Amino acid sequence: MTQVISRKIINLISLAGLIATISLTIYFYHLGIFKDLTQLQLTLGKATIFAPVVFILIQVLQVIVPFIPGSISLAAGVIIFGPWQGFLYNYIGIVLGSMINFQLARHYGKPLIQSLISEKTYKKYIGYIDNQKRFDKFFAAAIFFPIAPDDALCLIAGLTKMSFKRFSTIILLAKPLTISMYSYGLIYGGQWLAQLLHH
């Protein structure tokens, strides 16, 4: 019962985060902030370390408790800070969040995981942990290619015998491709769609 309540609370937080993100985007658009992205990037680039640190913390938190859709925050990082800095800040935040997820799952176990992810997702992937070698291969492939819910798998990995060193190595090496595909795919896909609609 407690897990059901916890999941409902997390779902409400996620919904509230999505609504807040959409509302802020519309508000900033009306203010004209997005009309000159180059100027926005230059302004933030000259800002103190405060802006990047806040963004990285947001990315860490959204990995642990998805109050903002990950795809939106990934694209936002690249749009706001530019392609290279945006990628770097996305990478740091997501890697740190993934490592925290792993350690939380290892410390608190199944009750925490079942509070953070849906029962359907949990049942779909929990069977993989019966065979450690199979799970390790599947986990590495899933992180390298965007074929599965990464955050959920990082939590489930915490229930296995996988060492933190092995987990960290997979995350550090495999995440760049996924982050790049999501970030730039969404941005260029959005630009292509916008051009298509204007014709």
N, C-alpha and C. Protein backbone atom coordinates (compact mmCIF):
# COMPACT_ATOMS: atom_id res chain seq x y z
N MET A 1 0.84 -1.21 0.00
CA MET A 1 0.00 0.00 0.00
C MET A 1 0.87 1.26 0.00
N THR A 2 1.95 1.22 0.82
CA THR A 2 2.86 2.36 0.91
C THR A 2 3.52 2.63 -0.44
N GLN A 3 3.90 1.55 -1.15
CA GLN A 3 4.54 1.69 -2.45
C GLN A 3 3.59 2.32 -3.46
N VAL A 4 2.32 1.93 -3.40
CA VAL A 4 1.32 2.49 -4.31
C VAL A 4 1.17 3.98 -4.06
N ILE A 5 1.12 4.37 -2.79
CA ILE A 5 0.99 5.79 -2.43
C ILE A 5 2.23 6.56 -2.87
N SER A 6 3.41 5.98 -2.64
CA SER A 6 4.66 6.63 -3.04
C SER A 6 4.72 6.83 -4.54
N ARG A 7 4.29 5.82 -5.30
CA ARG A 7 4.30 5.92 -6.75
C ARG A 7 3.34 6.99 -7.23
N LYS A 8 2.17 7.08 -6.57
CA LYS A 8 1.20 8.10 -6.94
C LYS A 8 1.76 9.50 -6.69
N ILE A 9 2.46 9.66 -5.57
CA ILE A 9 3.06 10.95 -5.25
C ILE A 9 4.11 11.32 -6.30
N ILE A 10 4.94 10.34 -6.67
CA ILE A 10 5.98 10.58 -7.68
C ILE A 10 5.35 10.91 -9.02
N ASN A 11 4.28 10.21 -9.37
CA ASN A 11 3.57 10.50 -10.62
C ASN A 11 3.00 11.92 -10.62
N LEU A 12 2.49 12.34 -9.47
CA LEU A 12 1.96 13.71 -9.34
C LEU A 12 3.08 14.74 -9.47
N ILE A 13 4.24 14.44 -8.88
CA ILE A 13 5.39 15.33 -8.98
C ILE A 13 5.82 15.45 -10.43
N SER A 14 5.86 14.31 -11.14
CA SER A 14 6.25 14.29 -12.55
C SER A 14 5.28 15.10 -13.39
N LEU A 15 3.98 14.93 -13.13
CA LEU A 15 2.95 15.68 -13.87
C LEU A 15 3.07 17.17 -13.60
N ALA A 16 3.28 17.51 -12.33
CA ALA A 16 3.44 18.92 -11.96
C ALA A 16 4.67 19.52 -12.64
N GLY A 17 5.76 18.72 -12.69
CA GLY A 17 6.98 19.18 -13.35
C GLY A 17 6.78 19.43 -14.83
N LEU A 18 6.02 18.53 -15.48
CA LEU A 18 5.74 18.68 -16.90
C LEU A 18 4.90 19.94 -17.16
N ILE A 19 3.87 20.16 -16.34
CA ILE A 19 3.02 21.34 -16.48
C ILE A 19 3.83 22.61 -16.26
N ALA A 20 4.68 22.59 -15.23
CA ALA A 20 5.51 23.76 -14.93
C ALA A 20 6.49 24.05 -16.08
N THR A 21 7.06 22.98 -16.66
CA THR A 21 8.00 23.14 -17.78
C THR A 21 7.32 23.76 -18.98
N ILE A 22 6.15 23.25 -19.32
CA ILE A 22 5.39 23.79 -20.45
C ILE A 22 5.00 25.24 -20.20
N SER A 23 4.54 25.53 -18.98
CA SER A 23 4.12 26.89 -18.63
C SER A 23 5.28 27.87 -18.72
N LEU A 24 6.45 27.47 -18.19
CA LEU A 24 7.62 28.34 -18.23
C LEU A 24 8.10 28.56 -19.67
N THR A 25 8.04 27.50 -20.48
CA THR A 25 8.45 27.62 -21.88
C THR A 25 7.57 28.62 -22.61
N ILE A 26 6.26 28.53 -22.40
CA ILE A 26 5.32 29.47 -23.03
C ILE A 26 5.57 30.89 -22.53
N TYR A 27 5.80 31.03 -21.22
CA TYR A 27 6.05 32.34 -20.62
C TYR A 27 7.33 32.96 -21.19
N PHE A 28 8.41 32.17 -21.25
CA PHE A 28 9.69 32.67 -21.78
C PHE A 28 9.57 33.02 -23.27
N TYR A 29 8.75 32.23 -23.98
CA TYR A 29 8.55 32.49 -25.41
C TYR A 29 7.89 33.86 -25.60
N HIS A 30 6.87 34.14 -24.80
CA HIS A 30 6.17 35.43 -24.89
C HIS A 30 7.07 36.59 -24.48
N LEU A 31 8.04 36.32 -23.61
CA LEU A 31 8.99 37.36 -23.22
C LEU A 31 10.03 37.62 -24.32
N GLY A 32 10.10 36.68 -25.29
CA GLY A 32 11.04 36.84 -26.40
C GLY A 32 12.41 36.27 -26.13
N ILE A 33 12.54 35.47 -25.07
CA ILE A 33 13.84 34.92 -24.70
C ILE A 33 14.40 34.00 -25.78
N PHE A 34 13.51 33.26 -26.45
CA PHE A 34 13.96 32.27 -27.43
C PHE A 34 14.14 32.86 -28.84
N LYS A 35 13.88 34.15 -29.00
CA LYS A 35 13.98 34.75 -30.33
C LYS A 35 15.43 34.91 -30.78
N ASP A 36 16.32 35.08 -29.83
CA ASP A 36 17.73 35.21 -30.15
C ASP A 36 18.52 34.23 -29.28
N LEU A 37 18.60 32.97 -29.75
CA LEU A 37 19.26 31.92 -28.97
C LEU A 37 20.75 32.18 -28.84
N THR A 38 21.35 32.78 -29.88
CA THR A 38 22.79 33.07 -29.82
C THR A 38 23.09 34.02 -28.68
N GLN A 39 22.27 35.06 -28.55
CA GLN A 39 22.46 36.02 -27.48
C GLN A 39 22.22 35.39 -26.12
N LEU A 40 21.22 34.52 -26.06
CA LEU A 40 20.93 33.81 -24.81
C LEU A 40 22.12 32.95 -24.40
N GLN A 41 22.70 32.23 -25.37
CA GLN A 41 23.85 31.38 -25.08
C GLN A 41 25.06 32.19 -24.64
N LEU A 42 25.27 33.33 -25.30
CA LEU A 42 26.40 34.20 -24.94
C LEU A 42 26.23 34.76 -23.53
N THR A 43 24.99 35.15 -23.21
CA THR A 43 24.71 35.72 -21.88
C THR A 43 24.98 34.69 -20.79
N LEU A 44 24.47 33.48 -20.99
CA LEU A 44 24.67 32.42 -19.99
C LEU A 44 26.11 31.94 -19.97
N GLY A 45 26.76 31.99 -21.14
CA GLY A 45 28.16 31.58 -21.20
C GLY A 45 29.06 32.50 -20.39
N LYS A 46 28.66 33.78 -20.32
CA LYS A 46 29.44 34.75 -19.56
C LYS A 46 29.02 34.79 -18.09
N ALA A 47 27.94 34.10 -17.79
CA ALA A 47 27.43 34.11 -16.40
C ALA A 47 28.38 33.36 -15.48
N THR A 48 28.16 33.50 -14.22
CA THR A 48 28.98 32.79 -13.25
C THR A 48 28.69 31.30 -13.34
N ILE A 49 29.36 30.53 -12.50
CA ILE A 49 29.19 29.08 -12.48
C ILE A 49 27.80 28.70 -11.99
N PHE A 50 27.05 29.68 -11.50
CA PHE A 50 25.73 29.41 -10.90
C PHE A 50 24.78 28.72 -11.87
N ALA A 51 24.67 29.25 -13.09
CA ALA A 51 23.72 28.69 -14.07
C ALA A 51 24.03 27.24 -14.42
N PRO A 52 25.28 26.89 -14.77
CA PRO A 52 25.58 25.49 -15.05
C PRO A 52 25.36 24.56 -13.86
N VAL A 53 25.73 25.03 -12.67
CA VAL A 53 25.57 24.20 -11.47
C VAL A 53 24.10 23.91 -11.21
N VAL A 54 23.26 24.93 -11.35
CA VAL A 54 21.81 24.74 -11.15
C VAL A 54 21.26 23.76 -12.18
N PHE A 55 21.69 23.92 -13.43
CA PHE A 55 21.22 23.01 -14.48
C PHE A 55 21.64 21.57 -14.20
N ILE A 56 22.90 21.38 -13.82
CA ILE A 56 23.39 20.02 -13.51
C ILE A 56 22.61 19.41 -12.36
N LEU A 57 22.33 20.21 -11.33
CA LEU A 57 21.55 19.71 -10.20
C LEU A 57 20.13 19.31 -10.62
N ILE A 58 19.55 20.10 -11.52
CA ILE A 58 18.22 19.76 -12.04
C ILE A 58 18.27 18.43 -12.78
N GLN A 59 19.33 18.22 -13.57
CA GLN A 59 19.47 16.97 -14.30
C GLN A 59 19.64 15.79 -13.34
N VAL A 60 20.43 15.98 -12.30
CA VAL A 60 20.61 14.92 -11.29
C VAL A 60 19.27 14.56 -10.67
N LEU A 61 18.52 15.56 -10.27
CA LEU A 61 17.23 15.33 -9.61
C LEU A 61 16.21 14.68 -10.53
N GLN A 62 16.19 15.09 -11.81
CA GLN A 62 15.19 14.53 -12.71
C GLN A 62 15.50 13.08 -13.07
N VAL A 63 16.76 12.66 -12.91
CA VAL A 63 17.10 11.25 -13.10
C VAL A 63 16.56 10.43 -11.93
N ILE A 64 16.66 10.98 -10.72
CA ILE A 64 16.21 10.26 -9.52
C ILE A 64 14.70 10.30 -9.39
N VAL A 65 14.14 11.49 -9.48
CA VAL A 65 12.68 11.65 -9.45
C VAL A 65 12.30 12.43 -10.72
N PRO A 66 11.73 11.76 -11.71
CA PRO A 66 11.49 12.40 -13.02
C PRO A 66 10.40 13.46 -13.00
N PHE A 67 10.71 14.63 -12.42
CA PHE A 67 9.72 15.71 -12.35
C PHE A 67 9.70 16.52 -13.64
N ILE A 68 10.72 16.33 -14.49
CA ILE A 68 10.75 16.92 -15.83
C ILE A 68 11.09 15.79 -16.79
N PRO A 69 10.39 15.67 -17.91
CA PRO A 69 10.75 14.63 -18.89
C PRO A 69 12.21 14.78 -19.31
N GLY A 70 12.97 13.68 -19.25
CA GLY A 70 14.39 13.72 -19.56
C GLY A 70 14.70 14.28 -20.93
N SER A 71 13.84 13.97 -21.91
CA SER A 71 14.07 14.44 -23.27
C SER A 71 14.03 15.97 -23.34
N ILE A 72 13.14 16.57 -22.56
CA ILE A 72 13.01 18.03 -22.56
C ILE A 72 14.24 18.69 -21.94
N SER A 73 14.68 18.15 -20.80
CA SER A 73 15.85 18.75 -20.13
C SER A 73 17.12 18.56 -20.96
N LEU A 74 17.23 17.43 -21.67
CA LEU A 74 18.39 17.21 -22.54
C LEU A 74 18.46 18.26 -23.64
N ALA A 75 17.34 18.44 -24.32
CA ALA A 75 17.28 19.42 -25.40
C ALA A 75 17.51 20.83 -24.86
N ALA A 76 16.94 21.12 -23.68
CA ALA A 76 17.08 22.46 -23.08
C ALA A 76 18.55 22.78 -22.81
N GLY A 77 19.31 21.79 -22.35
CA GLY A 77 20.72 22.02 -22.06
C GLY A 77 21.49 22.48 -23.28
N VAL A 78 21.24 21.82 -24.41
CA VAL A 78 21.94 22.16 -25.65
C VAL A 78 21.47 23.50 -26.19
N ILE A 79 20.17 23.76 -26.10
CA ILE A 79 19.61 25.02 -26.60
C ILE A 79 20.13 26.21 -25.79
N ILE A 80 20.13 26.06 -24.47
CA ILE A 80 20.48 27.17 -23.58
C ILE A 80 21.98 27.44 -23.54
N PHE A 81 22.78 26.35 -23.43
CA PHE A 81 24.22 26.53 -23.23
C PHE A 81 25.06 26.32 -24.49
N GLY A 82 24.40 25.92 -25.57
CA GLY A 82 25.15 25.63 -26.79
C GLY A 82 25.49 24.15 -26.88
N PRO A 83 25.92 23.66 -28.05
CA PRO A 83 26.10 22.22 -28.26
C PRO A 83 27.14 21.56 -27.37
N TRP A 84 28.29 22.18 -27.18
CA TRP A 84 29.35 21.52 -26.44
C TRP A 84 29.16 21.62 -24.94
N GLN A 85 28.91 22.84 -24.46
CA GLN A 85 28.68 23.00 -23.02
C GLN A 85 27.39 22.29 -22.59
N GLY A 86 26.36 22.40 -23.43
CA GLY A 86 25.10 21.73 -23.12
C GLY A 86 25.27 20.24 -22.99
N PHE A 87 26.02 19.65 -23.93
CA PHE A 87 26.29 18.22 -23.86
C PHE A 87 27.04 17.86 -22.58
N LEU A 88 28.05 18.66 -22.24
CA LEU A 88 28.86 18.40 -21.05
C LEU A 88 28.02 18.44 -19.78
N TYR A 89 27.18 19.47 -19.65
CA TYR A 89 26.36 19.60 -18.44
C TYR A 89 25.30 18.50 -18.36
N ASN A 90 24.74 18.14 -19.51
CA ASN A 90 23.81 17.01 -19.54
C ASN A 90 24.50 15.73 -19.08
N TYR A 91 25.68 15.52 -19.62
CA TYR A 91 26.46 14.30 -19.32
C TYR A 91 26.78 14.21 -17.83
N ILE A 92 27.29 15.29 -17.27
CA ILE A 92 27.65 15.29 -15.84
C ILE A 92 26.43 15.02 -14.97
N GLY A 93 25.34 15.72 -15.24
CA GLY A 93 24.13 15.56 -14.43
C GLY A 93 23.53 14.17 -14.50
N ILE A 94 23.45 13.63 -15.72
CA ILE A 94 22.83 12.31 -15.89
C ILE A 94 23.71 11.20 -15.32
N VAL A 95 25.03 11.31 -15.51
CA VAL A 95 25.94 10.31 -14.95
C VAL A 95 25.86 10.30 -13.42
N LEU A 96 25.90 11.50 -12.83
CA LEU A 96 25.81 11.58 -11.36
C LEU A 96 24.47 11.03 -10.85
N GLY A 97 23.38 11.40 -11.53
CA GLY A 97 22.06 10.90 -11.14
C GLY A 97 21.96 9.40 -11.25
N SER A 98 22.54 8.83 -12.31
CA SER A 98 22.52 7.38 -12.51
C SER A 98 23.30 6.66 -11.41
N MET A 99 24.44 7.22 -11.04
CA MET A 99 25.26 6.62 -9.97
C MET A 99 24.54 6.68 -8.63
N ILE A 100 23.85 7.79 -8.38
CA ILE A 100 23.08 7.92 -7.14
C ILE A 100 21.95 6.91 -7.12
N ASN A 101 21.26 6.74 -8.26
CA ASN A 101 20.19 5.75 -8.36
C ASN A 101 20.69 4.35 -8.01
N PHE A 102 21.83 3.99 -8.56
CA PHE A 102 22.43 2.68 -8.31
C PHE A 102 22.69 2.47 -6.82
N GLN A 103 23.28 3.47 -6.18
CA GLN A 103 23.61 3.37 -4.76
C GLN A 103 22.36 3.36 -3.88
N LEU A 104 21.35 4.14 -4.26
CA LEU A 104 20.10 4.14 -3.51
C LEU A 104 19.43 2.77 -3.57
N ALA A 105 19.41 2.18 -4.76
CA ALA A 105 18.80 0.85 -4.93
C ALA A 105 19.56 -0.20 -4.14
N ARG A 106 20.89 -0.09 -4.15
CA ARG A 106 21.71 -1.06 -3.43
C ARG A 106 21.48 -0.94 -1.92
N HIS A 107 21.25 0.25 -1.46
CA HIS A 107 21.08 0.47 -0.02
C HIS A 107 19.65 0.18 0.45
N TYR A 108 18.65 0.60 -0.34
CA TYR A 108 17.25 0.50 0.11
C TYR A 108 16.47 -0.64 -0.54
N GLY A 109 17.00 -1.19 -1.63
CA GLY A 109 16.41 -2.40 -2.21
C GLY A 109 15.10 -2.23 -2.96
N LYS A 110 14.38 -3.33 -3.08
CA LYS A 110 13.17 -3.40 -3.90
C LYS A 110 12.08 -2.40 -3.49
N PRO A 111 11.83 -2.18 -2.19
CA PRO A 111 10.76 -1.23 -1.83
C PRO A 111 10.93 0.15 -2.46
N LEU A 112 12.18 0.64 -2.48
CA LEU A 112 12.43 1.96 -3.08
C LEU A 112 12.21 1.90 -4.59
N ILE A 113 12.74 0.87 -5.24
CA ILE A 113 12.62 0.74 -6.69
C ILE A 113 11.16 0.67 -7.11
N GLN A 114 10.38 -0.12 -6.40
CA GLN A 114 8.96 -0.27 -6.74
C GLN A 114 8.17 0.99 -6.46
N SER A 115 8.74 1.91 -5.69
CA SER A 115 8.10 3.20 -5.46
C SER A 115 8.42 4.19 -6.58
N LEU A 116 9.58 3.98 -7.20
CA LEU A 116 10.05 4.93 -8.20
C LEU A 116 9.67 4.57 -9.63
N ILE A 117 9.47 3.27 -9.90
CA ILE A 117 9.12 2.87 -11.27
C ILE A 117 7.80 2.11 -11.27
N SER A 118 7.19 2.01 -12.43
CA SER A 118 5.90 1.33 -12.51
C SER A 118 6.05 -0.18 -12.32
N GLU A 119 4.97 -0.81 -11.89
CA GLU A 119 4.98 -2.26 -11.68
C GLU A 119 5.25 -2.98 -13.01
N LYS A 120 4.70 -2.44 -14.09
CA LYS A 120 4.89 -3.04 -15.41
C LYS A 120 6.37 -3.05 -15.80
N THR A 121 7.04 -1.92 -15.61
CA THR A 121 8.47 -1.82 -15.94
C THR A 121 9.30 -2.73 -15.04
N TYR A 122 8.95 -2.75 -13.77
CA TYR A 122 9.68 -3.58 -12.82
C TYR A 122 9.60 -5.06 -13.22
N LYS A 123 8.40 -5.53 -13.51
CA LYS A 123 8.20 -6.94 -13.88
C LYS A 123 8.87 -7.27 -15.21
N LYS A 124 8.91 -6.30 -16.11
CA LYS A 124 9.49 -6.54 -17.42
C LYS A 124 10.99 -6.81 -17.37
N TYR A 125 11.69 -6.13 -16.45
CA TYR A 125 13.15 -6.21 -16.43
C TYR A 125 13.75 -6.96 -15.25
N ILE A 126 12.97 -7.19 -14.21
CA ILE A 126 13.54 -7.81 -13.00
C ILE A 126 14.03 -9.23 -13.27
N GLY A 127 13.42 -9.92 -14.24
CA GLY A 127 13.83 -11.30 -14.56
C GLY A 127 15.26 -11.39 -15.08
N TYR A 128 15.78 -10.29 -15.61
CA TYR A 128 17.14 -10.31 -16.16
C TYR A 128 18.20 -10.50 -15.08
N ILE A 129 17.89 -10.16 -13.83
CA ILE A 129 18.92 -10.22 -12.79
C ILE A 129 19.19 -11.66 -12.33
N ASP A 130 18.39 -12.63 -12.79
CA ASP A 130 18.62 -14.03 -12.42
C ASP A 130 19.94 -14.56 -12.99
N ASN A 131 20.38 -13.95 -14.09
CA ASN A 131 21.64 -14.36 -14.72
C ASN A 131 22.52 -13.12 -14.82
N GLN A 132 23.55 -13.07 -13.99
CA GLN A 132 24.38 -11.86 -13.89
C GLN A 132 25.07 -11.51 -15.21
N LYS A 133 25.64 -12.51 -15.89
CA LYS A 133 26.33 -12.25 -17.15
C LYS A 133 25.37 -11.71 -18.20
N ARG A 134 24.18 -12.31 -18.27
CA ARG A 134 23.18 -11.85 -19.23
C ARG A 134 22.74 -10.43 -18.90
N PHE A 135 22.56 -10.14 -17.61
CA PHE A 135 22.14 -8.79 -17.22
C PHE A 135 23.21 -7.76 -17.57
N ASP A 136 24.48 -8.09 -17.29
CA ASP A 136 25.56 -7.16 -17.58
C ASP A 136 25.59 -6.78 -19.06
N LYS A 137 25.44 -7.78 -19.93
CA LYS A 137 25.45 -7.54 -21.38
C LYS A 137 24.23 -6.73 -21.80
N PHE A 138 23.08 -7.11 -21.27
CA PHE A 138 21.85 -6.40 -21.61
C PHE A 138 21.91 -4.95 -21.12
N PHE A 139 22.39 -4.76 -19.91
CA PHE A 139 22.48 -3.42 -19.32
C PHE A 139 23.40 -2.52 -20.14
N ALA A 140 24.57 -3.04 -20.52
CA ALA A 140 25.52 -2.25 -21.32
C ALA A 140 24.90 -1.85 -22.66
N ALA A 141 24.21 -2.80 -23.31
CA ALA A 141 23.58 -2.52 -24.60
C ALA A 141 22.45 -1.50 -24.45
N ALA A 142 21.66 -1.64 -23.38
CA ALA A 142 20.52 -0.74 -23.15
C ALA A 142 20.98 0.69 -22.87
N ILE A 143 22.10 0.84 -22.17
CA ILE A 143 22.62 2.17 -21.87
C ILE A 143 23.27 2.77 -23.11
N PHE A 144 23.95 1.94 -23.88
CA PHE A 144 24.65 2.41 -25.09
C PHE A 144 23.66 2.86 -26.15
N PHE A 145 22.60 2.09 -26.34
CA PHE A 145 21.56 2.45 -27.30
C PHE A 145 20.27 2.77 -26.54
N PRO A 146 19.54 3.79 -26.97
CA PRO A 146 18.31 4.16 -26.25
C PRO A 146 17.16 3.18 -26.53
N ILE A 147 17.31 1.96 -26.00
CA ILE A 147 16.30 0.93 -26.28
C ILE A 147 15.47 0.56 -25.06
N ALA A 148 15.79 1.14 -23.92
CA ALA A 148 15.08 0.76 -22.69
C ALA A 148 15.13 1.93 -21.71
N PRO A 149 14.29 1.91 -20.66
CA PRO A 149 14.30 2.99 -19.65
C PRO A 149 15.57 2.95 -18.80
N ASP A 150 16.53 3.81 -19.15
CA ASP A 150 17.84 3.79 -18.49
C ASP A 150 17.76 3.95 -16.98
N ASP A 151 16.96 4.93 -16.54
CA ASP A 151 16.89 5.22 -15.10
C ASP A 151 16.37 4.02 -14.32
N ALA A 152 15.37 3.34 -14.85
CA ALA A 152 14.82 2.15 -14.19
C ALA A 152 15.86 1.05 -14.14
N LEU A 153 16.61 0.87 -15.22
CA LEU A 153 17.62 -0.18 -15.26
C LEU A 153 18.78 0.11 -14.31
N CYS A 154 19.11 1.38 -14.14
CA CYS A 154 20.16 1.74 -13.17
C CYS A 154 19.73 1.36 -11.76
N LEU A 155 18.45 1.55 -11.47
CA LEU A 155 17.93 1.14 -10.17
C LEU A 155 17.96 -0.38 -10.02
N ILE A 156 17.50 -1.09 -11.04
CA ILE A 156 17.48 -2.55 -10.99
C ILE A 156 18.90 -3.11 -10.90
N ALA A 157 19.86 -2.45 -11.55
CA ALA A 157 21.26 -2.88 -11.48
C ALA A 157 21.77 -2.89 -10.04
N GLY A 158 21.21 -2.00 -9.22
CA GLY A 158 21.60 -1.94 -7.81
C GLY A 158 21.23 -3.19 -7.02
N LEU A 159 20.31 -3.99 -7.57
CA LEU A 159 19.90 -5.24 -6.90
C LEU A 159 20.80 -6.41 -7.27
N THR A 160 21.65 -6.23 -8.27
CA THR A 160 22.50 -7.31 -8.75
C THR A 160 23.85 -7.30 -8.03
N LYS A 161 24.71 -8.23 -8.45
CA LYS A 161 26.06 -8.31 -7.88
C LYS A 161 27.06 -7.46 -8.66
N MET A 162 26.57 -6.69 -9.59
CA MET A 162 27.44 -5.80 -10.37
C MET A 162 28.16 -4.84 -9.44
N SER A 163 29.47 -4.71 -9.62
CA SER A 163 30.23 -3.79 -8.79
C SER A 163 29.96 -2.35 -9.21
N PHE A 164 30.16 -1.42 -8.29
CA PHE A 164 29.96 -0.01 -8.61
C PHE A 164 30.95 0.44 -9.68
N LYS A 165 32.17 -0.12 -9.64
CA LYS A 165 33.19 0.21 -10.63
C LYS A 165 32.73 -0.20 -12.03
N ARG A 166 32.19 -1.41 -12.17
CA ARG A 166 31.71 -1.89 -13.47
C ARG A 166 30.53 -1.05 -13.94
N PHE A 167 29.61 -0.78 -13.02
CA PHE A 167 28.44 0.04 -13.34
C PHE A 167 28.88 1.42 -13.83
N SER A 168 29.79 2.04 -13.10
CA SER A 168 30.26 3.39 -13.45
C SER A 168 30.95 3.41 -14.81
N THR A 169 31.73 2.37 -15.09
CA THR A 169 32.44 2.29 -16.37
C THR A 169 31.45 2.23 -17.53
N ILE A 170 30.41 1.41 -17.37
CA ILE A 170 29.39 1.30 -18.42
C ILE A 170 28.69 2.64 -18.62
N ILE A 171 28.31 3.28 -17.52
CA ILE A 171 27.60 4.56 -17.61
C ILE A 171 28.48 5.63 -18.26
N LEU A 172 29.74 5.73 -17.82
CA LEU A 172 30.65 6.76 -18.33
C LEU A 172 30.93 6.59 -19.82
N LEU A 173 31.06 5.34 -20.28
CA LEU A 173 31.41 5.09 -21.67
C LEU A 173 30.20 5.05 -22.60
N ALA A 174 29.06 4.61 -22.08
CA ALA A 174 27.90 4.39 -22.94
C ALA A 174 26.96 5.59 -23.02
N LYS A 175 26.95 6.42 -22.00
CA LYS A 175 25.98 7.52 -21.97
C LYS A 175 26.16 8.59 -23.06
N PRO A 176 27.40 8.90 -23.46
CA PRO A 176 27.56 9.98 -24.44
C PRO A 176 26.73 9.79 -25.71
N LEU A 177 26.69 8.57 -26.25
CA LEU A 177 25.94 8.34 -27.48
C LEU A 177 24.46 8.59 -27.28
N THR A 178 23.90 8.05 -26.19
CA THR A 178 22.49 8.22 -25.91
C THR A 178 22.13 9.68 -25.72
N ILE A 179 22.94 10.39 -24.95
CA ILE A 179 22.69 11.81 -24.69
C ILE A 179 22.75 12.60 -25.99
N SER A 180 23.73 12.31 -26.84
CA SER A 180 23.85 13.00 -28.12
C SER A 180 22.65 12.74 -29.01
N MET A 181 22.24 11.48 -29.09
CA MET A 181 21.11 11.11 -29.96
C MET A 181 19.83 11.81 -29.52
N TYR A 182 19.57 11.80 -28.21
CA TYR A 182 18.36 12.45 -27.70
C TYR A 182 18.43 13.96 -27.88
N SER A 183 19.54 14.56 -27.46
CA SER A 183 19.67 16.02 -27.48
C SER A 183 19.55 16.57 -28.88
N TYR A 184 20.43 16.11 -29.77
CA TYR A 184 20.47 16.68 -31.11
C TYR A 184 19.32 16.18 -31.97
N GLY A 185 18.86 14.96 -31.71
CA GLY A 185 17.71 14.43 -32.45
C GLY A 185 16.48 15.27 -32.21
N LEU A 186 16.25 15.63 -30.95
CA LEU A 186 15.08 16.45 -30.62
C LEU A 186 15.20 17.86 -31.19
N ILE A 187 16.40 18.43 -31.10
CA ILE A 187 16.59 19.80 -31.56
C ILE A 187 16.43 19.89 -33.08
N TYR A 188 17.19 19.06 -33.81
CA TYR A 188 17.13 19.12 -35.27
C TYR A 188 15.80 18.60 -35.80
N GLY A 189 15.22 17.65 -35.09
CA GLY A 189 13.90 17.16 -35.47
C GLY A 189 12.86 18.25 -35.31
N GLY A 190 12.98 19.02 -34.22
CA GLY A 190 12.07 20.14 -33.99
C GLY A 190 12.23 21.23 -35.03
N GLN A 191 13.49 21.52 -35.39
CA GLN A 191 13.75 22.53 -36.41
C GLN A 191 13.18 22.10 -37.76
N TRP A 192 13.38 20.83 -38.10
CA TRP A 192 12.85 20.30 -39.36
C TRP A 192 11.34 20.38 -39.40
N LEU A 193 10.69 20.05 -38.27
CA LEU A 193 9.24 20.11 -38.19
C LEU A 193 8.73 21.54 -38.31
N ALA A 194 9.46 22.47 -37.66
CA ALA A 194 9.07 23.88 -37.72
C ALA A 194 9.16 24.41 -39.15
N GLN A 195 10.24 24.05 -39.86
CA GLN A 195 10.39 24.47 -41.25
C GLN A 195 9.32 23.88 -42.13
N LEU A 196 8.96 22.62 -41.84
CA LEU A 196 7.94 21.93 -42.62
C LEU A 196 6.58 22.61 -42.46
N LEU A 197 6.28 23.03 -41.23
CA LEU A 197 5.00 23.65 -40.94
C LEU A 197 4.91 25.07 -41.53
N HIS A 198 6.06 25.71 -41.71
CA HIS A 198 6.05 27.07 -42.24
C HIS A 198 5.91 27.11 -43.76
N HIS A 199 6.11 25.94 -44.41
CA HIS A 199 6.01 25.90 -45.88
C HIS A 199 4.56 25.72 -46.30
